[in-house]
Amino acid sequence: MILYRYLTGPDTVAFCKRVTAQLNRGWVLAGPPTLAFDAAKGQMICGQTIMKTVDAVDYTDETVLSDY
């Protein structure tokens, strides 16, 4: 199965660490990051898509993406 996730959060070191942690769990970047300004909070918000292929497992609606 191929899994897809879109990580979002404030543009901080913590966000970069979240993405790095997923890369070290076997996920790969799926395109460039996105940035948007949240005027209400006065901060930049990052987004990054990641994907992972998991062999010998079928996707279901009950699949918990963070388990992989």
PDB file of N, CA and C in Angstrom:
ATOM      1  N   MET A   1       0.841  -1.170   0.000  1.00  0.00           N
ATOM      2  CA  MET A   1       0.000   0.000   0.000  1.00  0.00           C
ATOM      3  C   MET A   1       0.883   1.228   0.000  1.00  0.00           C
ATOM      4  N   ILE A   2       0.361   2.312  -0.522  1.00  0.00           N
ATOM      5  CA  ILE A   2       1.050   3.592  -0.503  1.00  0.00           C
ATOM      6  C   ILE A   2       0.292   4.503   0.453  1.00  0.00           C
ATOM      7  N   LEU A   3       1.014   5.058   1.407  1.00  0.00           N
ATOM      8  CA  LEU A   3       0.419   5.950   2.397  1.00  0.00           C
ATOM      9  C   LEU A   3       0.795   7.388   2.089  1.00  0.00           C
ATOM     10  N   TYR A   4      -0.094   8.312   2.398  1.00  0.00           N
ATOM     11  CA  TYR A   4       0.101   9.736   2.150  1.00  0.00           C
ATOM     12  C   TYR A   4      -0.250  10.511   3.415  1.00  0.00           C
ATOM     13  N   ARG A   5       0.602  11.462   3.752  1.00  0.00           N
ATOM     14  CA  ARG A   5       0.315  12.342   4.890  1.00  0.00           C
ATOM     15  C   ARG A   5       0.684  13.770   4.513  1.00  0.00           C
ATOM     16  N   TYR A   6       0.003  14.719   5.117  1.00  0.00           N
ATOM     17  CA  TYR A   6       0.318  16.132   4.948  1.00  0.00           C
ATOM     18  C   TYR A   6       0.535  16.704   6.339  1.00  0.00           C
ATOM     19  N   LEU A   7       1.789  16.978   6.652  1.00  0.00           N
ATOM     20  CA  LEU A   7       2.140  17.521   7.960  1.00  0.00           C
ATOM     21  C   LEU A   7       2.053  19.036   7.907  1.00  0.00           C
ATOM     22  N   THR A   8       1.494  19.648   8.942  1.00  0.00           N
ATOM     23  CA  THR A   8       1.424  21.101   9.010  1.00  0.00           C
ATOM     24  C   THR A   8       1.794  21.566  10.402  1.00  0.00           C
ATOM     25  N   GLY A   9       2.229  22.808  10.480  1.00  0.00           N
ATOM     26  CA  GLY A   9       2.532  23.391  11.777  1.00  0.00           C
ATOM     27  C   GLY A   9       3.273  24.697  11.615  1.00  0.00           C
ATOM     28  N   PRO A  10       3.452  25.419  12.718  1.00  0.00           N
ATOM     29  CA  PRO A  10       4.195  26.675  12.670  1.00  0.00           C
ATOM     30  C   PRO A  10       5.615  26.447  12.145  1.00  0.00           C
ATOM     31  N   ASP A  11       6.157  27.454  11.473  1.00  0.00           N
ATOM     32  CA  ASP A  11       7.501  27.383  10.896  1.00  0.00           C
ATOM     33  C   ASP A  11       8.533  27.512  12.016  1.00  0.00           C
ATOM     34  N   THR A  12       8.793  26.388  12.677  1.00  0.00           N
ATOM     35  CA  THR A  12       9.721  26.352  13.806  1.00  0.00           C
ATOM     36  C   THR A  12      10.637  25.140  13.675  1.00  0.00           C
ATOM     37  N   VAL A  13      11.622  25.094  14.537  1.00  0.00           N
ATOM     38  CA  VAL A  13      12.508  23.923  14.590  1.00  0.00           C
ATOM     39  C   VAL A  13      11.694  22.672  14.913  1.00  0.00           C
ATOM     40  N   ALA A  14      10.667  22.803  15.730  1.00  0.00           N
ATOM     41  CA  ALA A  14       9.834  21.651  16.098  1.00  0.00           C
ATOM     42  C   ALA A  14       9.176  21.029  14.862  1.00  0.00           C
ATOM     43  N   PHE A  15       8.725  21.866  13.924  1.00  0.00           N
ATOM     44  CA  PHE A  15       8.128  21.334  12.698  1.00  0.00           C
ATOM     45  C   PHE A  15       9.174  20.562  11.901  1.00  0.00           C
ATOM     46  N   CYS A  16      10.366  21.140  11.762  1.00  0.00           N
ATOM     47  CA  CYS A  16      11.443  20.460  11.031  1.00  0.00           C
ATOM     48  C   CYS A  16      11.782  19.128  11.687  1.00  0.00           C
ATOM     49  N   LYS A  17      11.759  19.080  13.010  1.00  0.00           N
ATOM     50  CA  LYS A  17      12.041  17.833  13.716  1.00  0.00           C
ATOM     51  C   LYS A  17      10.944  16.798  13.464  1.00  0.00           C
ATOM     52  N   ARG A  18       9.691  17.234  13.370  1.00  0.00           N
ATOM     53  CA  ARG A  18       8.587  16.304  13.058  1.00  0.00           C
ATOM     54  C   ARG A  18       8.794  15.670  11.699  1.00  0.00           C
ATOM     55  N   VAL A  19       9.136  16.495  10.710  1.00  0.00           N
ATOM     56  CA  VAL A  19       9.374  15.972   9.362  1.00  0.00           C
ATOM     57  C   VAL A  19      10.585  15.042   9.378  1.00  0.00           C
ATOM     58  N   THR A  20      11.667  15.458  10.029  1.00  0.00           N
ATOM     59  CA  THR A  20      12.876  14.638  10.105  1.00  0.00           C
ATOM     60  C   THR A  20      12.590  13.284  10.751  1.00  0.00           C
ATOM     61  N   ALA A  21      11.791  13.281  11.806  1.00  0.00           N
ATOM     62  CA  ALA A  21      11.445  12.022  12.470  1.00  0.00           C
ATOM     63  C   ALA A  21      10.732  11.084  11.511  1.00  0.00           C
ATOM     64  N   GLN A  22       9.817  11.618  10.697  1.00  0.00           N
ATOM     65  CA  GLN A  22       9.090  10.765   9.756  1.00  0.00           C
ATOM     66  C   GLN A  22      10.012  10.261   8.641  1.00  0.00           C
ATOM     67  N   LEU A  23      10.934  11.095   8.190  1.00  0.00           N
ATOM     68  CA  LEU A  23      11.891  10.648   7.176  1.00  0.00           C
ATOM     69  C   LEU A  23      12.729   9.495   7.716  1.00  0.00           C
ATOM     70  N   ASN A  24      13.065   9.556   8.977  1.00  0.00           N
ATOM     71  CA  ASN A  24      13.858   8.489   9.588  1.00  0.00           C
ATOM     72  C   ASN A  24      13.031   7.242   9.890  1.00  0.00           C
ATOM     73  N   ARG A  25      11.715   7.334   9.747  1.00  0.00           N
ATOM     74  CA  ARG A  25      10.837   6.167   9.876  1.00  0.00           C
ATOM     75  C   ARG A  25      10.502   5.577   8.512  1.00  0.00           C
ATOM     76  N   GLY A  26      11.162   6.082   7.454  1.00  0.00           N
ATOM     77  CA  GLY A  26      10.971   5.502   6.131  1.00  0.00           C
ATOM     78  C   GLY A  26      10.062   6.273   5.196  1.00  0.00           C
ATOM     79  N   TRP A  27       9.464   7.367   5.666  1.00  0.00           N
ATOM     80  CA  TRP A  27       8.646   8.200   4.796  1.00  0.00           C
ATOM     81  C   TRP A  27       9.576   9.004   3.893  1.00  0.00           C
ATOM     82  N   VAL A  28       9.080   9.429   2.729  1.00  0.00           N
ATOM     83  CA  VAL A  28       9.865  10.253   1.810  1.00  0.00           C
ATOM     84  C   VAL A  28       9.077  11.517   1.472  1.00  0.00           C
ATOM     85  N   LEU A  29       9.809  12.580   1.157  1.00  0.00           N
ATOM     86  CA  LEU A  29       9.158  13.827   0.766  1.00  0.00           C
ATOM     87  C   LEU A  29       8.413  13.621  -0.535  1.00  0.00           C
ATOM     88  N   ALA A  30       7.256  14.224  -0.646  1.00  0.00           N
ATOM     89  CA  ALA A  30       6.432  14.103  -1.856  1.00  0.00           C
ATOM     90  C   ALA A  30       6.111  15.511  -2.350  1.00  0.00           C
ATOM     91  N   GLY A  31       7.121  16.168  -2.880  1.00  0.00           N
ATOM     92  CA  GLY A  31       6.924  17.521  -3.377  1.00  0.00           C
ATOM     93  C   GLY A  31       7.537  18.547  -2.443  1.00  0.00           C
ATOM     94  N   PRO A  32       7.507  19.795  -2.877  1.00  0.00           N
ATOM     95  CA  PRO A  32       8.129  20.855  -2.079  1.00  0.00           C
ATOM     96  C   PRO A  32       7.248  21.233  -0.882  1.00  0.00           C
ATOM     97  N   PRO A  33       7.852  21.879   0.113  1.00  0.00           N
ATOM     98  CA  PRO A  33       7.059  22.357   1.235  1.00  0.00           C
ATOM     99  C   PRO A  33       6.193  23.541   0.812  1.00  0.00           C
ATOM    100  N   THR A  34       5.175  23.815   1.592  1.00  0.00           N
ATOM    101  CA  THR A  34       4.326  24.981   1.364  1.00  0.00           C
ATOM    102  C   THR A  34       4.427  25.900   2.568  1.00  0.00           C
ATOM    103  N   LEU A  35       4.194  27.170   2.339  1.00  0.00           N
ATOM    104  CA  LEU A  35       4.191  28.163   3.412  1.00  0.00           C
ATOM    105  C   LEU A  35       2.976  29.062   3.253  1.00  0.00           C
ATOM    106  N   ALA A  36       2.360  29.408   4.356  1.00  0.00           N
ATOM    107  CA  ALA A  36       1.236  30.342   4.352  1.00  0.00           C
ATOM    108  C   ALA A  36       1.332  31.180   5.624  1.00  0.00           C
ATOM    109  N   PHE A  37       0.905  32.417   5.535  1.00  0.00           N
ATOM    110  CA  PHE A  37       0.928  33.286   6.701  1.00  0.00           C
ATOM    111  C   PHE A  37      -0.421  33.258   7.387  1.00  0.00           C
ATOM    112  N   ASP A  38      -0.428  32.926   8.689  1.00  0.00           N
ATOM    113  CA  ASP A  38      -1.642  32.950   9.504  1.00  0.00           C
ATOM    114  C   ASP A  38      -1.713  34.325  10.150  1.00  0.00           C
ATOM    115  N   ALA A  39      -2.520  35.216   9.557  1.00  0.00           N
ATOM    116  CA  ALA A  39      -2.608  36.601  10.037  1.00  0.00           C
ATOM    117  C   ALA A  39      -3.170  36.675  11.451  1.00  0.00           C
ATOM    118  N   ALA A  40      -4.086  35.778  11.789  1.00  0.00           N
ATOM    119  CA  ALA A  40      -4.687  35.802  13.119  1.00  0.00           C
ATOM    120  C   ALA A  40      -3.657  35.501  14.202  1.00  0.00           C
ATOM    121  N   LYS A  41      -2.714  34.608  13.906  1.00  0.00           N
ATOM    122  CA  LYS A  41      -1.692  34.243  14.877  1.00  0.00           C
ATOM    123  C   LYS A  41      -0.375  34.972  14.632  1.00  0.00           C
ATOM    124  N   GLY A  42      -0.259  35.647  13.478  1.00  0.00           N
ATOM    125  CA  GLY A  42       0.949  36.373  13.152  1.00  0.00           C
ATOM    126  C   GLY A  42       2.158  35.484  12.936  1.00  0.00           C
ATOM    127  N   GLN A  43       1.936  34.312  12.326  1.00  0.00           N
ATOM    128  CA  GLN A  43       3.053  33.388  12.118  1.00  0.00           C
ATOM    129  C   GLN A  43       2.941  32.651  10.791  1.00  0.00           C
ATOM    130  N   MET A  44       4.086  32.180  10.322  1.00  0.00           N
ATOM    131  CA  MET A  44       4.121  31.365   9.118  1.00  0.00           C
ATOM    132  C   MET A  44       3.767  29.928   9.486  1.00  0.00           C
ATOM    133  N   ILE A  45       3.004  29.291   8.604  1.00  0.00           N
ATOM    134  CA  ILE A  45       2.624  27.891   8.774  1.00  0.00           C
ATOM    135  C   ILE A  45       3.245  27.095   7.625  1.00  0.00           C
ATOM    136  N   CYS A  46       3.914  26.012   7.968  1.00  0.00           N
ATOM    137  CA  CYS A  46       4.541  25.124   6.971  1.00  0.00           C
ATOM    138  C   CYS A  46       3.638  23.933   6.704  1.00  0.00           C
ATOM    139  N   GLY A  47       3.787  23.386   5.515  1.00  0.00           N
ATOM    140  CA  GLY A  47       3.142  22.137   5.162  1.00  0.00           C
ATOM    141  C   GLY A  47       4.114  21.294   4.350  1.00  0.00           C
ATOM    142  N   GLN A  48       4.098  19.996   4.579  1.00  0.00           N
ATOM    143  CA  GLN A  48       4.965  19.094   3.823  1.00  0.00           C
ATOM    144  C   GLN A  48       4.246  17.777   3.602  1.00  0.00           C
ATOM    145  N   THR A  49       4.151  17.375   2.333  1.00  0.00           N
ATOM    146  CA  THR A  49       3.572  16.073   2.041  1.00  0.00           C
ATOM    147  C   THR A  49       4.665  15.013   2.118  1.00  0.00           C
ATOM    148  N   ILE A  50       4.286  13.860   2.649  1.00  0.00           N
ATOM    149  CA  ILE A  50       5.188  12.724   2.737  1.00  0.00           C
ATOM    150  C   ILE A  50       4.431  11.474   2.303  1.00  0.00           C
ATOM    151  N   MET A  51       5.171  10.504   1.779  1.00  0.00           N
ATOM    152  CA  MET A  51       4.577   9.247   1.337  1.00  0.00           C
ATOM    153  C   MET A  51       5.448   8.088   1.784  1.00  0.00           C
ATOM    154  N   LYS A  52       4.815   6.920   1.887  1.00  0.00           N
ATOM    155  CA  LYS A  52       5.545   5.718   2.263  1.00  0.00           C
ATOM    156  C   LYS A  52       4.870   4.517   1.622  1.00  0.00           C
ATOM    157  N   THR A  53       5.671   3.620   1.066  1.00  0.00           N
ATOM    158  CA  THR A  53       5.170   2.365   0.520  1.00  0.00           C
ATOM    159  C   THR A  53       5.391   1.273   1.553  1.00  0.00           C
ATOM    160  N   VAL A  54       4.342   0.541   1.848  1.00  0.00           N
ATOM    161  CA  VAL A  54       4.409  -0.567   2.804  1.00  0.00           C
ATOM    162  C   VAL A  54       3.984  -1.826   2.057  1.00  0.00           C
ATOM    163  N   ASP A  55       4.913  -2.764   1.932  1.00  0.00           N
ATOM    164  CA  ASP A  55       4.631  -4.000   1.208  1.00  0.00           C
ATOM    165  C   ASP A  55       3.829  -4.981   2.059  1.00  0.00           C
ATOM    166  N   ALA A  56       3.060  -5.814   1.390  1.00  0.00           N
ATOM    167  CA  ALA A  56       2.319  -6.923   2.003  1.00  0.00           C
ATOM    168  C   ALA A  56       1.278  -6.481   3.023  1.00  0.00           C
ATOM    169  N   VAL A  57       0.812  -5.251   2.897  1.00  0.00           N
ATOM    170  CA  VAL A  57      -0.262  -4.751   3.767  1.00  0.00           C
ATOM    171  C   VAL A  57      -1.274  -4.051   2.873  1.00  0.00           C
ATOM    172  N   ASP A  58      -2.548  -4.326   3.093  1.00  0.00           N
ATOM    173  CA  ASP A  58      -3.592  -3.668   2.324  1.00  0.00           C
ATOM    174  C   ASP A  58      -4.163  -2.504   3.113  1.00  0.00           C
ATOM    175  N   TYR A  59      -4.428  -1.409   2.424  1.00  0.00           N
ATOM    176  CA  TYR A  59      -5.025  -0.237   3.052  1.00  0.00           C
ATOM    177  C   TYR A  59      -6.499  -0.486   3.329  1.00  0.00           C
ATOM    178  N   THR A  60      -6.965  -0.041   4.490  1.00  0.00           N
ATOM    179  CA  THR A  60      -8.381  -0.019   4.830  1.00  0.00           C
ATOM    180  C   THR A  60      -8.680   1.332   5.472  1.00  0.00           C
ATOM    181  N   ASP A  61      -9.939   1.640   5.647  1.00  0.00           N
ATOM    182  CA  ASP A  61     -10.318   2.886   6.317  1.00  0.00           C
ATOM    183  C   ASP A  61      -9.859   2.913   7.780  1.00  0.00           C
ATOM    184  N   GLU A  62      -9.545   1.755   8.335  1.00  0.00           N
ATOM    185  CA  GLU A  62      -9.096   1.677   9.713  1.00  0.00           C
ATOM    186  C   GLU A  62      -7.575   1.826   9.839  1.00  0.00           C
ATOM    187  N   THR A  63      -6.850   1.908   8.722  1.00  0.00           N
ATOM    188  CA  THR A  63      -5.397   2.055   8.761  1.00  0.00           C
ATOM    189  C   THR A  63      -5.033   3.353   9.491  1.00  0.00           C
ATOM    190  N   VAL A  64      -4.165   3.248  10.478  1.00  0.00           N
ATOM    191  CA  VAL A  64      -3.688   4.408  11.224  1.00  0.00           C
ATOM    192  C   VAL A  64      -2.340   4.810  10.637  1.00  0.00           C
ATOM    193  N   LEU A  65      -2.323   5.921   9.923  1.00  0.00           N
ATOM    194  CA  LEU A  65      -1.122   6.322   9.190  1.00  0.00           C
ATOM    195  C   LEU A  65       0.078   6.507  10.116  1.00  0.00           C
ATOM    196  N   SER A  66      -0.128   7.011  11.303  1.00  0.00           N
ATOM    197  CA  SER A  66       0.983   7.259  12.216  1.00  0.00           C
ATOM    198  C   SER A  66       1.593   5.969  12.764  1.00  0.00           C
ATOM    199  N   ASP A  67       0.937   4.817  12.542  1.00  0.00           N
ATOM    200  CA  ASP A  67       1.521   3.545  12.964  1.00  0.00           C
ATOM    201  C   ASP A  67       2.658   3.110  12.066  1.00  0.00           C
ATOM    202  N   TYR A  68       2.798   3.749  10.931  1.00  0.00           N
ATOM    203  CA  TYR A  68       3.832   3.361   9.977  1.00  0.00           C
ATOM    204  C   TYR A  68       4.875   4.417   9.955  1.00  0.00           C
TER     205      TYR A  68
END
